[in-house]
Amino acid sequence: MPFLQGYVYPVEDLQPLHDLLKEWNLECTYQTLLDELIDLKILAIRKVDYHTNELLKNYPLGIKILFSNNLEKWQNSKKIIFYDITASNYFGQKTFSRKTFFSHIYKSWRNFK
């Protein structure tokens, strides 16, 4: 992972990111995501086709298509989970840390598909 002064990569995302890519059978992209400082938050907000082509420019088209398809499904499922977590916080039930939040998203995505 590259060092960029003033930026701290969220190391708590390393394992959930790896697990997510493993679930998609796209572990081959893990190092590329790390090299480009892509964490779960960035995956959640990125534009699927535009950024995938840039990120995976050295990969075969099939890998890009699989990555885009899985990312789009994951992003859509994340929106549902984010709403649930926000509603829980609003009603004073449970506050989630960043690690718990993304872990919850990943586990819910696995159940969603």
PDB file of N, CA and C in Angstrom:
ATOM      1  N   MET A   1       0.859  -1.174   0.000  1.00  0.00           N
ATOM      2  CA  MET A   1       0.000   0.000   0.000  1.00  0.00           C
ATOM      3  C   MET A   1       0.904   1.235   0.000  1.00  0.00           C
ATOM      4  N   PRO A   2       0.636   2.169  -0.875  1.00  0.00           N
ATOM      5  CA  PRO A   2       1.493   3.353  -0.936  1.00  0.00           C
ATOM      6  C   PRO A   2       1.259   4.277   0.253  1.00  0.00           C
ATOM      7  N   PHE A   3       2.274   5.055   0.546  1.00  0.00           N
ATOM      8  CA  PHE A   3       2.165   6.061   1.603  1.00  0.00           C
ATOM      9  C   PHE A   3       1.879   7.396   0.940  1.00  0.00           C
ATOM     10  N   LEU A   4       0.873   8.072   1.435  1.00  0.00           N
ATOM     11  CA  LEU A   4       0.535   9.392   0.930  1.00  0.00           C
ATOM     12  C   LEU A   4       0.436  10.316   2.131  1.00  0.00           C
ATOM     13  N   GLN A   5       1.344  11.264   2.203  1.00  0.00           N
ATOM     14  CA  GLN A   5       1.389  12.156   3.357  1.00  0.00           C
ATOM     15  C   GLN A   5       0.046  12.843   3.572  1.00  0.00           C
ATOM     16  N   GLY A   6      -0.432  12.777   4.795  1.00  0.00           N
ATOM     17  CA  GLY A   6      -1.697  13.402   5.158  1.00  0.00           C
ATOM     18  C   GLY A   6      -2.914  12.504   5.014  1.00  0.00           C
ATOM     19  N   TYR A   7      -2.720  11.310   4.467  1.00  0.00           N
ATOM     20  CA  TYR A   7      -3.840  10.380   4.308  1.00  0.00           C
ATOM     21  C   TYR A   7      -3.550   9.114   5.101  1.00  0.00           C
ATOM     22  N   VAL A   8      -4.512   8.698   5.899  1.00  0.00           N
ATOM     23  CA  VAL A   8      -4.370   7.476   6.681  1.00  0.00           C
ATOM     24  C   VAL A   8      -5.401   6.481   6.164  1.00  0.00           C
ATOM     25  N   TYR A   9      -4.904   5.400   5.570  1.00  0.00           N
ATOM     26  CA  TYR A   9      -5.804   4.365   5.068  1.00  0.00           C
ATOM     27  C   TYR A   9      -6.469   3.677   6.256  1.00  0.00           C
ATOM     28  N   PRO A  10      -7.772   3.461   6.214  1.00  0.00           N
ATOM     29  CA  PRO A  10      -8.461   2.788   7.325  1.00  0.00           C
ATOM     30  C   PRO A  10      -8.120   1.292   7.353  1.00  0.00           C
ATOM     31  N   VAL A  11      -7.120   0.937   8.126  1.00  0.00           N
ATOM     32  CA  VAL A  11      -6.635  -0.449   8.149  1.00  0.00           C
ATOM     33  C   VAL A  11      -7.713  -1.436   8.610  1.00  0.00           C
ATOM     34  N   GLU A  12      -8.727  -0.948   9.304  1.00  0.00           N
ATOM     35  CA  GLU A  12      -9.811  -1.840   9.715  1.00  0.00           C
ATOM     36  C   GLU A  12     -10.626  -2.325   8.511  1.00  0.00           C
ATOM     37  N   ASP A  13     -10.433  -1.704   7.357  1.00  0.00           N
ATOM     38  CA  ASP A  13     -11.119  -2.121   6.130  1.00  0.00           C
ATOM     39  C   ASP A  13     -10.382  -3.232   5.383  1.00  0.00           C
ATOM     40  N   LEU A  14      -9.137  -3.504   5.752  1.00  0.00           N
ATOM     41  CA  LEU A  14      -8.335  -4.468   4.994  1.00  0.00           C
ATOM     42  C   LEU A  14      -8.997  -5.841   4.905  1.00  0.00           C
ATOM     43  N   GLN A  15      -9.353  -6.398   6.039  1.00  0.00           N
ATOM     44  CA  GLN A  15      -9.939  -7.744   6.031  1.00  0.00           C
ATOM     45  C   GLN A  15     -11.342  -7.770   5.415  1.00  0.00           C
ATOM     46  N   PRO A  16     -12.227  -6.837   5.782  1.00  0.00           N
ATOM     47  CA  PRO A  16     -13.551  -6.848   5.135  1.00  0.00           C
ATOM     48  C   PRO A  16     -13.463  -6.657   3.617  1.00  0.00           C
ATOM     49  N   LEU A  17     -12.522  -5.834   3.156  1.00  0.00           N
ATOM     50  CA  LEU A  17     -12.343  -5.643   1.718  1.00  0.00           C
ATOM     51  C   LEU A  17     -11.882  -6.944   1.059  1.00  0.00           C
ATOM     52  N   HIS A  18     -10.927  -7.588   1.674  1.00  0.00           N
ATOM     53  CA  HIS A  18     -10.439  -8.867   1.146  1.00  0.00           C
ATOM     54  C   HIS A  18     -11.571  -9.896   1.120  1.00  0.00           C
ATOM     55  N   ASP A  19     -12.341  -9.962   2.200  1.00  0.00           N
ATOM     56  CA  ASP A  19     -13.457 -10.911   2.280  1.00  0.00           C
ATOM     57  C   ASP A  19     -14.506 -10.645   1.193  1.00  0.00           C
ATOM     58  N   LEU A  20     -14.770  -9.370   0.957  1.00  0.00           N
ATOM     59  CA  LEU A  20     -15.751  -9.002  -0.066  1.00  0.00           C
ATOM     60  C   LEU A  20     -15.265  -9.445  -1.450  1.00  0.00           C
ATOM     61  N   LEU A  21     -14.019  -9.168  -1.767  1.00  0.00           N
ATOM     62  CA  LEU A  21     -13.467  -9.562  -3.062  1.00  0.00           C
ATOM     63  C   LEU A  21     -13.408 -11.076  -3.195  1.00  0.00           C
ATOM     64  N   LYS A  22     -13.125 -11.753  -2.096  1.00  0.00           N
ATOM     65  CA  LYS A  22     -13.111 -13.219  -2.114  1.00  0.00           C
ATOM     66  C   LYS A  22     -14.507 -13.754  -2.414  1.00  0.00           C
ATOM     67  N   GLU A  23     -15.518 -13.158  -1.806  1.00  0.00           N
ATOM     68  CA  GLU A  23     -16.907 -13.556  -2.051  1.00  0.00           C
ATOM     69  C   GLU A  23     -17.283 -13.373  -3.523  1.00  0.00           C
ATOM     70  N   TRP A  24     -16.720 -12.349  -4.153  1.00  0.00           N
ATOM     71  CA  TRP A  24     -16.982 -12.073  -5.564  1.00  0.00           C
ATOM     72  C   TRP A  24     -16.084 -12.913  -6.485  1.00  0.00           C
ATOM     73  N   ASN A  25     -15.182 -13.698  -5.918  1.00  0.00           N
ATOM     74  CA  ASN A  25     -14.167 -14.430  -6.686  1.00  0.00           C
ATOM     75  C   ASN A  25     -13.287 -13.478  -7.489  1.00  0.00           C
ATOM     76  N   LEU A  26     -12.977 -12.331  -6.885  1.00  0.00           N
ATOM     77  CA  LEU A  26     -12.136 -11.324  -7.530  1.00  0.00           C
ATOM     78  C   LEU A  26     -10.980 -10.904  -6.624  1.00  0.00           C
ATOM     79  N   GLU A  27     -10.451 -11.870  -5.885  1.00  0.00           N
ATOM     80  CA  GLU A  27      -9.306 -11.586  -5.023  1.00  0.00           C
ATOM     81  C   GLU A  27      -8.117 -11.050  -5.823  1.00  0.00           C
ATOM     82  N   CYS A  28      -8.080 -11.358  -7.107  1.00  0.00           N
ATOM     83  CA  CYS A  28      -6.974 -10.908  -7.953  1.00  0.00           C
ATOM     84  C   CYS A  28      -6.888  -9.382  -8.023  1.00  0.00           C
ATOM     85  N   THR A  29      -7.961  -8.688  -7.661  1.00  0.00           N
ATOM     86  CA  THR A  29      -7.960  -7.214  -7.718  1.00  0.00           C
ATOM     87  C   THR A  29      -7.562  -6.571  -6.389  1.00  0.00           C
ATOM     88  N   TYR A  30      -7.388  -7.368  -5.357  1.00  0.00           N
ATOM     89  CA  TYR A  30      -7.137  -6.839  -4.005  1.00  0.00           C
ATOM     90  C   TYR A  30      -5.931  -5.893  -3.958  1.00  0.00           C
ATOM     91  N   GLN A  31      -4.805  -6.337  -4.469  1.00  0.00           N
ATOM     92  CA  GLN A  31      -3.603  -5.502  -4.398  1.00  0.00           C
ATOM     93  C   GLN A  31      -3.769  -4.210  -5.186  1.00  0.00           C
ATOM     94  N   THR A  32      -4.461  -4.280  -6.306  1.00  0.00           N
ATOM     95  CA  THR A  32      -4.718  -3.076  -7.106  1.00  0.00           C
ATOM     96  C   THR A  32      -5.544  -2.073  -6.308  1.00  0.00           C
ATOM     97  N   LEU A  33      -6.570  -2.550  -5.613  1.00  0.00           N
ATOM     98  CA  LEU A  33      -7.382  -1.659  -4.792  1.00  0.00           C
ATOM     99  C   LEU A  33      -6.549  -1.023  -3.690  1.00  0.00           C
ATOM    100  N   LEU A  34      -5.686  -1.805  -3.062  1.00  0.00           N
ATOM    101  CA  LEU A  34      -4.815  -1.248  -2.026  1.00  0.00           C
ATOM    102  C   LEU A  34      -3.853  -0.221  -2.614  1.00  0.00           C
ATOM    103  N   ASP A  35      -3.253  -0.550  -3.751  1.00  0.00           N
ATOM    104  CA  ASP A  35      -2.301   0.365  -4.397  1.00  0.00           C
ATOM    105  C   ASP A  35      -2.945   1.695  -4.747  1.00  0.00           C
ATOM    106  N   GLU A  36      -4.232   1.662  -5.054  1.00  0.00           N
ATOM    107  CA  GLU A  36      -4.961   2.881  -5.416  1.00  0.00           C
ATOM    108  C   GLU A  36      -5.691   3.510  -4.218  1.00  0.00           C
ATOM    109  N   LEU A  37      -5.415   2.988  -3.020  1.00  0.00           N
ATOM    110  CA  LEU A  37      -6.009   3.486  -1.765  1.00  0.00           C
ATOM    111  C   LEU A  37      -7.534   3.417  -1.776  1.00  0.00           C
ATOM    112  N   ILE A  38      -8.071   2.341  -2.338  1.00  0.00           N
ATOM    113  CA  ILE A  38      -9.515   2.121  -2.358  1.00  0.00           C
ATOM    114  C   ILE A  38      -9.903   1.356  -1.097  1.00  0.00           C
ATOM    115  N   ASP A  39     -10.752   1.950  -0.289  1.00  0.00           N
ATOM    116  CA  ASP A  39     -11.268   1.280   0.907  1.00  0.00           C
ATOM    117  C   ASP A  39     -12.775   1.076   0.725  1.00  0.00           C
ATOM    118  N   LEU A  40     -13.433   0.569   1.735  1.00  0.00           N
ATOM    119  CA  LEU A  40     -14.869   0.285   1.617  1.00  0.00           C
ATOM    120  C   LEU A  40     -15.701   1.546   1.413  1.00  0.00           C
ATOM    121  N   LYS A  41     -15.304   2.635   2.050  1.00  0.00           N
ATOM    122  CA  LYS A  41     -16.046   3.883   1.886  1.00  0.00           C
ATOM    123  C   LYS A  41     -15.971   4.354   0.433  1.00  0.00           C
ATOM    124  N   ILE A  42     -14.790   4.250  -0.142  1.00  0.00           N
ATOM    125  CA  ILE A  42     -14.625   4.677  -1.530  1.00  0.00           C
ATOM    126  C   ILE A  42     -15.390   3.751  -2.467  1.00  0.00           C
ATOM    127  N   LEU A  43     -15.367   2.455  -2.186  1.00  0.00           N
ATOM    128  CA  LEU A  43     -16.166   1.528  -2.995  1.00  0.00           C
ATOM    129  C   LEU A  43     -17.644   1.895  -2.947  1.00  0.00           C
ATOM    130  N   ALA A  44     -18.088   2.347  -1.793  1.00  0.00           N
ATOM    131  CA  ALA A  44     -19.508   2.668  -1.617  1.00  0.00           C
ATOM    132  C   ALA A  44     -19.932   3.885  -2.433  1.00  0.00           C
ATOM    133  N   ILE A  45     -19.012   4.818  -2.703  1.00  0.00           N
ATOM    134  CA  ILE A  45     -19.403   6.064  -3.370  1.00  0.00           C
ATOM    135  C   ILE A  45     -18.947   6.159  -4.815  1.00  0.00           C
ATOM    136  N   ARG A  46     -18.152   5.229  -5.266  1.00  0.00           N
ATOM    137  CA  ARG A  46     -17.590   5.318  -6.623  1.00  0.00           C
ATOM    138  C   ARG A  46     -18.646   5.068  -7.688  1.00  0.00           C
ATOM    139  N   LYS A  47     -18.425   5.651  -8.844  1.00  0.00           N
ATOM    140  CA  LYS A  47     -19.293   5.413  -9.996  1.00  0.00           C
ATOM    141  C   LYS A  47     -18.837   4.115 -10.649  1.00  0.00           C
ATOM    142  N   VAL A  48     -19.741   3.195 -10.779  1.00  0.00           N
ATOM    143  CA  VAL A  48     -19.397   1.831 -11.154  1.00  0.00           C
ATOM    144  C   VAL A  48     -18.596   1.759 -12.455  1.00  0.00           C
ATOM    145  N   ASP A  49     -19.151   2.158 -13.583  1.00  0.00           N
ATOM    146  CA  ASP A  49     -18.472   1.941 -14.864  1.00  0.00           C
ATOM    147  C   ASP A  49     -17.258   2.847 -15.056  1.00  0.00           C
ATOM    148  N   TYR A  50     -17.421   4.131 -14.807  1.00  0.00           N
ATOM    149  CA  TYR A  50     -16.328   5.076 -15.048  1.00  0.00           C
ATOM    150  C   TYR A  50     -15.095   4.727 -14.220  1.00  0.00           C
ATOM    151  N   HIS A  51     -15.255   4.583 -12.939  1.00  0.00           N
ATOM    152  CA  HIS A  51     -14.116   4.323 -12.069  1.00  0.00           C
ATOM    153  C   HIS A  51     -13.567   2.902 -12.222  1.00  0.00           C
ATOM    154  N   THR A  52     -14.432   1.956 -12.535  1.00  0.00           N
ATOM    155  CA  THR A  52     -13.958   0.582 -12.727  1.00  0.00           C
ATOM    156  C   THR A  52     -13.004   0.510 -13.914  1.00  0.00           C
ATOM    157  N   ASN A  53     -13.348   1.169 -15.005  1.00  0.00           N
ATOM    158  CA  ASN A  53     -12.462   1.162 -16.177  1.00  0.00           C
ATOM    159  C   ASN A  53     -11.108   1.773 -15.851  1.00  0.00           C
ATOM    160  N   GLU A  54     -11.109   2.832 -15.092  1.00  0.00           N
ATOM    161  CA  GLU A  54      -9.846   3.478 -14.702  1.00  0.00           C
ATOM    162  C   GLU A  54      -9.068   2.605 -13.721  1.00  0.00           C
ATOM    163  N   LEU A  55      -9.737   2.097 -12.719  1.00  0.00           N
ATOM    164  CA  LEU A  55      -9.093   1.293 -11.688  1.00  0.00           C
ATOM    165  C   LEU A  55      -8.522  -0.005 -12.245  1.00  0.00           C
ATOM    166  N   LEU A  56      -9.288  -0.668 -13.078  1.00  0.00           N
ATOM    167  CA  LEU A  56      -8.900  -1.989 -13.577  1.00  0.00           C
ATOM    168  C   LEU A  56      -8.440  -1.940 -15.037  1.00  0.00           C
ATOM    169  N   LYS A  57      -7.793  -0.853 -15.427  1.00  0.00           N
ATOM    170  CA  LYS A  57      -7.394  -0.655 -16.823  1.00  0.00           C
ATOM    171  C   LYS A  57      -6.462  -1.749 -17.348  1.00  0.00           C
ATOM    172  N   ASN A  58      -5.720  -2.402 -16.467  1.00  0.00           N
ATOM    173  CA  ASN A  58      -4.789  -3.451 -16.900  1.00  0.00           C
ATOM    174  C   ASN A  58      -5.373  -4.856 -16.799  1.00  0.00           C
ATOM    175  N   TYR A  59      -6.665  -4.958 -16.508  1.00  0.00           N
ATOM    176  CA  TYR A  59      -7.327  -6.261 -16.369  1.00  0.00           C
ATOM    177  C   TYR A  59      -8.149  -6.564 -17.618  1.00  0.00           C
ATOM    178  N   PRO A  60      -8.386  -7.844 -17.872  1.00  0.00           N
ATOM    179  CA  PRO A  60      -9.252  -8.225 -19.007  1.00  0.00           C
ATOM    180  C   PRO A  60     -10.681  -7.704 -18.814  1.00  0.00           C
ATOM    181  N   LEU A  61     -11.370  -7.550 -19.903  1.00  0.00           N
ATOM    182  CA  LEU A  61     -12.740  -7.033 -19.891  1.00  0.00           C
ATOM    183  C   LEU A  61     -13.646  -7.870 -18.999  1.00  0.00           C
ATOM    184  N   GLY A  62     -13.487  -9.182 -19.006  1.00  0.00           N
ATOM    185  CA  GLY A  62     -14.326 -10.050 -18.180  1.00  0.00           C
ATOM    186  C   GLY A  62     -14.222  -9.716 -16.699  1.00  0.00           C
ATOM    187  N   ILE A  63     -13.028  -9.431 -16.222  1.00  0.00           N
ATOM    188  CA  ILE A  63     -12.827  -9.063 -14.809  1.00  0.00           C
ATOM    189  C   ILE A  63     -13.520  -7.732 -14.528  1.00  0.00           C
ATOM    190  N   LYS A  64     -13.393  -6.783 -15.446  1.00  0.00           N
ATOM    191  CA  LYS A  64     -14.051  -5.474 -15.267  1.00  0.00           C
ATOM    192  C   LYS A  64     -15.564  -5.635 -15.174  1.00  0.00           C
ATOM    193  N   ILE A  65     -16.124  -6.480 -16.029  1.00  0.00           N
ATOM    194  CA  ILE A  65     -17.574  -6.699 -16.034  1.00  0.00           C
ATOM    195  C   ILE A  65     -18.021  -7.352 -14.732  1.00  0.00           C
ATOM    196  N   LEU A  66     -17.306  -8.389 -14.302  1.00  0.00           N
ATOM    197  CA  LEU A  66     -17.654  -9.046 -13.031  1.00  0.00           C
ATOM    198  C   LEU A  66     -17.544  -8.076 -11.862  1.00  0.00           C
ATOM    199  N   PHE A  67     -16.478  -7.291 -11.832  1.00  0.00           N
ATOM    200  CA  PHE A  67     -16.278  -6.338 -10.747  1.00  0.00           C
ATOM    201  C   PHE A  67     -17.414  -5.308 -10.729  1.00  0.00           C
ATOM    202  N   SER A  68     -17.733  -4.754 -11.899  1.00  0.00           N
ATOM    203  CA  SER A  68     -18.804  -3.750 -11.991  1.00  0.00           C
ATOM    204  C   SER A  68     -20.147  -4.320 -11.548  1.00  0.00           C
ATOM    205  N   ASN A  69     -20.456  -5.516 -11.987  1.00  0.00           N
ATOM    206  CA  ASN A  69     -21.727  -6.151 -11.631  1.00  0.00           C
ATOM    207  C   ASN A  69     -21.827  -6.376 -10.124  1.00  0.00           C
ATOM    208  N   ASN A  70     -20.783  -6.938  -9.536  1.00  0.00           N
ATOM    209  CA  ASN A  70     -20.793  -7.181  -8.087  1.00  0.00           C
ATOM    210  C   ASN A  70     -20.804  -5.885  -7.297  1.00  0.00           C
ATOM    211  N   LEU A  71     -20.057  -4.899  -7.775  1.00  0.00           N
ATOM    212  CA  LEU A  71     -20.011  -3.612  -7.076  1.00  0.00           C
ATOM    213  C   LEU A  71     -21.383  -2.941  -7.084  1.00  0.00           C
ATOM    214  N   GLU A  72     -22.051  -2.979  -8.225  1.00  0.00           N
ATOM    215  CA  GLU A  72     -23.381  -2.362  -8.316  1.00  0.00           C
ATOM    216  C   GLU A  72     -24.365  -3.038  -7.363  1.00  0.00           C
ATOM    217  N   LYS A  73     -24.365  -4.369  -7.327  1.00  0.00           N
ATOM    218  CA  LYS A  73     -25.241  -5.090  -6.394  1.00  0.00           C
ATOM    219  C   LYS A  73     -24.913  -4.727  -4.956  1.00  0.00           C
ATOM    220  N   TRP A  74     -23.616  -4.676  -4.638  1.00  0.00           N
ATOM    221  CA  TRP A  74     -23.174  -4.354  -3.272  1.00  0.00           C
ATOM    222  C   TRP A  74     -23.595  -2.938  -2.888  1.00  0.00           C
ATOM    223  N   GLN A  75     -23.393  -1.985  -3.802  1.00  0.00           N
ATOM    224  CA  GLN A  75     -23.780  -0.604  -3.520  1.00  0.00           C
ATOM    225  C   GLN A  75     -25.285  -0.496  -3.276  1.00  0.00           C
ATOM    226  N   ASN A  76     -26.076  -1.184  -4.075  1.00  0.00           N
ATOM    227  CA  ASN A  76     -27.533  -1.147  -3.887  1.00  0.00           C
ATOM    228  C   ASN A  76     -27.936  -1.759  -2.558  1.00  0.00           C
ATOM    229  N   SER A  77     -27.304  -2.855  -2.167  1.00  0.00           N
ATOM    230  CA  SER A  77     -27.635  -3.467  -0.880  1.00  0.00           C
ATOM    231  C   SER A  77     -27.159  -2.590   0.267  1.00  0.00           C
ATOM    232  N   LYS A  78     -26.064  -1.873   0.082  1.00  0.00           N
ATOM    233  CA  LYS A  78     -25.531  -0.983   1.108  1.00  0.00           C
ATOM    234  C   LYS A  78     -26.498   0.149   1.403  1.00  0.00           C
ATOM    235  N   LYS A  79     -27.179   0.640   0.394  1.00  0.00           N
ATOM    236  CA  LYS A  79     -28.149   1.722   0.609  1.00  0.00           C
ATOM    237  C   LYS A  79     -29.242   1.283   1.561  1.00  0.00           C
ATOM    238  N   ILE A  80     -29.695   0.059   1.431  1.00  0.00           N
ATOM    239  CA  ILE A  80     -30.727  -0.476   2.324  1.00  0.00           C
ATOM    240  C   ILE A  80     -30.183  -0.578   3.750  1.00  0.00           C
ATOM    241  N   ILE A  81     -28.983  -1.101   3.886  1.00  0.00           N
ATOM    242  CA  ILE A  81     -28.379  -1.260   5.212  1.00  0.00           C
ATOM    243  C   ILE A  81     -28.113   0.089   5.850  1.00  0.00           C
ATOM    244  N   PHE A  82     -27.633   1.056   5.060  1.00  0.00           N
ATOM    245  CA  PHE A  82     -27.355   2.380   5.605  1.00  0.00           C
ATOM    246  C   PHE A  82     -28.627   2.989   6.187  1.00  0.00           C
ATOM    247  N   TYR A  83     -29.746   2.808   5.504  1.00  0.00           N
ATOM    248  CA  TYR A  83     -31.017   3.307   5.999  1.00  0.00           C
ATOM    249  C   TYR A  83     -31.357   2.649   7.337  1.00  0.00           C
ATOM    250  N   ASP A  84     -31.185   1.343   7.426  1.00  0.00           N
ATOM    251  CA  ASP A  84     -31.487   0.624   8.666  1.00  0.00           C
ATOM    252  C   ASP A  84     -30.622   1.124   9.822  1.00  0.00           C
ATOM    253  N   ILE A  85     -29.343   1.311   9.570  1.00  0.00           N
ATOM    254  CA  ILE A  85     -28.434   1.766  10.622  1.00  0.00           C
ATOM    255  C   ILE A  85     -28.779   3.186  11.031  1.00  0.00           C
ATOM    256  N   THR A  86     -29.072   4.041  10.051  1.00  0.00           N
ATOM    257  CA  THR A  86     -29.429   5.423  10.353  1.00  0.00           C
ATOM    258  C   THR A  86     -30.714   5.463  11.182  1.00  0.00           C
ATOM    259  N   ALA A  87     -31.684   4.658  10.820  1.00  0.00           N
ATOM    260  CA  ALA A  87     -32.945   4.614  11.572  1.00  0.00           C
ATOM    261  C   ALA A  87     -32.699   4.132  12.994  1.00  0.00           C
ATOM    262  N   SER A  88     -31.842   3.124  13.149  1.00  0.00           N
ATOM    263  CA  SER A  88     -31.534   2.632  14.496  1.00  0.00           C
ATOM    264  C   SER A  88     -30.892   3.723  15.332  1.00  0.00           C
ATOM    265  N   ASN A  89     -29.955   4.463  14.735  1.00  0.00           N
ATOM    266  CA  ASN A  89     -29.302   5.548  15.465  1.00  0.00           C
ATOM    267  C   ASN A  89     -30.296   6.646  15.809  1.00  0.00           C
ATOM    268  N   TYR A  90     -31.190   6.949  14.885  1.00  0.00           N
ATOM    269  CA  TYR A  90     -32.171   7.997  15.096  1.00  0.00           C
ATOM    270  C   TYR A  90     -33.069   7.674  16.288  1.00  0.00           C
ATOM    271  N   PHE A  91     -33.453   6.430  16.389  1.00  0.00           N
ATOM    272  CA  PHE A  91     -34.336   6.045  17.481  1.00  0.00           C
ATOM    273  C   PHE A  91     -33.582   5.683  18.756  1.00  0.00           C
ATOM    274  N   GLY A  92     -32.279   5.963  18.771  1.00  0.00           N
ATOM    275  CA  GLY A  92     -31.494   5.802  19.988  1.00  0.00           C
ATOM    276  C   GLY A  92     -31.200   4.370  20.367  1.00  0.00           C
ATOM    277  N   GLN A  93     -31.233   3.465  19.426  1.00  0.00           N
ATOM    278  CA  GLN A  93     -30.992   2.068  19.767  1.00  0.00           C
ATOM    279  C   GLN A  93     -29.503   1.792  19.873  1.00  0.00           C
ATOM    280  N   LYS A  94     -28.811   1.610  18.783  1.00  0.00           N
ATOM    281  CA  LYS A  94     -27.412   1.229  18.830  1.00  0.00           C
ATOM    282  C   LYS A  94     -26.593   2.145  17.934  1.00  0.00           C
ATOM    283  N   THR A  95     -25.445   2.559  18.407  1.00  0.00           N
ATOM    284  CA  THR A  95     -24.524   3.346  17.609  1.00  0.00           C
ATOM    285  C   THR A  95     -23.460   2.401  17.063  1.00  0.00           C
ATOM    286  N   PHE A  96     -23.174   2.507  15.774  1.00  0.00           N
ATOM    287  CA  PHE A  96     -22.229   1.620  15.125  1.00  0.00           C
ATOM    288  C   PHE A  96     -20.914   2.347  14.866  1.00  0.00           C
ATOM    289  N   SER A  97     -19.802   1.688  15.162  1.00  0.00           N
ATOM    290  CA  SER A  97     -18.503   2.220  14.775  1.00  0.00           C
ATOM    291  C   SER A  97     -18.327   1.981  13.284  1.00  0.00           C
ATOM    292  N   ARG A  98     -17.329   2.609  12.697  1.00  0.00           N
ATOM    293  CA  ARG A  98     -17.049   2.425  11.271  1.00  0.00           C
ATOM    294  C   ARG A  98     -16.804   0.945  10.968  1.00  0.00           C
ATOM    295  N   LYS A  99     -16.014   0.272  11.807  1.00  0.00           N
ATOM    296  CA  LYS A  99     -15.701  -1.136  11.584  1.00  0.00           C
ATOM    297  C   LYS A  99     -16.972  -1.977  11.640  1.00  0.00           C
ATOM    298  N   THR A 100     -17.802  -1.743  12.639  1.00  0.00           N
ATOM    299  CA  THR A 100     -19.043  -2.489  12.776  1.00  0.00           C
ATOM    300  C   THR A 100     -19.971  -2.186  11.605  1.00  0.00           C
ATOM    301  N   PHE A 101     -20.032  -0.924  11.202  1.00  0.00           N
ATOM    302  CA  PHE A 101     -20.882  -0.501  10.096  1.00  0.00           C
ATOM    303  C   PHE A 101     -20.538  -1.271   8.830  1.00  0.00           C
ATOM    304  N   PHE A 102     -19.250  -1.286   8.436  1.00  0.00           N
ATOM    305  CA  PHE A 102     -18.870  -1.961   7.202  1.00  0.00           C
ATOM    306  C   PHE A 102     -18.932  -3.473   7.341  1.00  0.00           C
ATOM    307  N   SER A 103     -18.660  -3.990   8.525  1.00  0.00           N
ATOM    308  CA  SER A 103     -18.809  -5.422   8.749  1.00  0.00           C
ATOM    309  C   SER A 103     -20.276  -5.810   8.585  1.00  0.00           C
ATOM    310  N   HIS A 104     -21.170  -4.984   9.116  1.00  0.00           N
ATOM    311  CA  HIS A 104     -22.603  -5.214   9.011  1.00  0.00           C
ATOM    312  C   HIS A 104     -23.043  -5.159   7.539  1.00  0.00           C
ATOM    313  N   ILE A 105     -22.503  -4.212   6.796  1.00  0.00           N
ATOM    314  CA  ILE A 105     -22.825  -4.092   5.378  1.00  0.00           C
ATOM    315  C   ILE A 105     -22.396  -5.346   4.638  1.00  0.00           C
ATOM    316  N   TYR A 106     -21.165  -5.792   4.913  1.00  0.00           N
ATOM    317  CA  TYR A 106     -20.649  -6.980   4.210  1.00  0.00           C
ATOM    318  C   TYR A 106     -21.497  -8.205   4.527  1.00  0.00           C
ATOM    319  N   LYS A 107     -21.807  -8.424   5.799  1.00  0.00           N
ATOM    320  CA  LYS A 107     -22.604  -9.594   6.189  1.00  0.00           C
ATOM    321  C   LYS A 107     -24.009  -9.507   5.570  1.00  0.00           C
ATOM    322  N   SER A 108     -24.572  -8.331   5.548  1.00  0.00           N
ATOM    323  CA  SER A 108     -25.905  -8.173   4.975  1.00  0.00           C
ATOM    324  C   SER A 108     -25.879  -8.386   3.482  1.00  0.00           C
ATOM    325  N   TRP A 109     -24.807  -7.947   2.821  1.00  0.00           N
ATOM    326  CA  TRP A 109     -24.691  -8.151   1.387  1.00  0.00           C
ATOM    327  C   TRP A 109     -24.667  -9.642   1.071  1.00  0.00           C
ATOM    328  N   ARG A 110     -23.944 -10.410   1.880  1.00  0.00           N
ATOM    329  CA  ARG A 110     -23.864 -11.851   1.649  1.00  0.00           C
ATOM    330  C   ARG A 110     -25.251 -12.476   1.755  1.00  0.00           C
ATOM    331  N   ASN A 111     -26.067 -11.996   2.688  1.00  0.00           N
ATOM    332  CA  ASN A 111     -27.408 -12.541   2.856  1.00  0.00           C
ATOM    333  C   ASN A 111     -28.359 -12.019   1.773  1.00  0.00           C
ATOM    334  N   PHE A 112     -28.060 -10.837   1.246  1.00  0.00           N
ATOM    335  CA  PHE A 112     -28.926 -10.169   0.268  1.00  0.00           C
ATOM    336  C   PHE A 112     -28.914 -10.870  -1.080  1.00  0.00           C
ATOM    337  N   LYS A 113     -27.723 -11.311  -1.497  1.00  0.00           N
ATOM    338  CA  LYS A 113     -27.618 -11.872  -2.851  1.00  0.00           C
ATOM    339  C   LYS A 113     -28.207 -13.239  -2.856  1.00  0.00           C
TER     340      LYS A 113
END
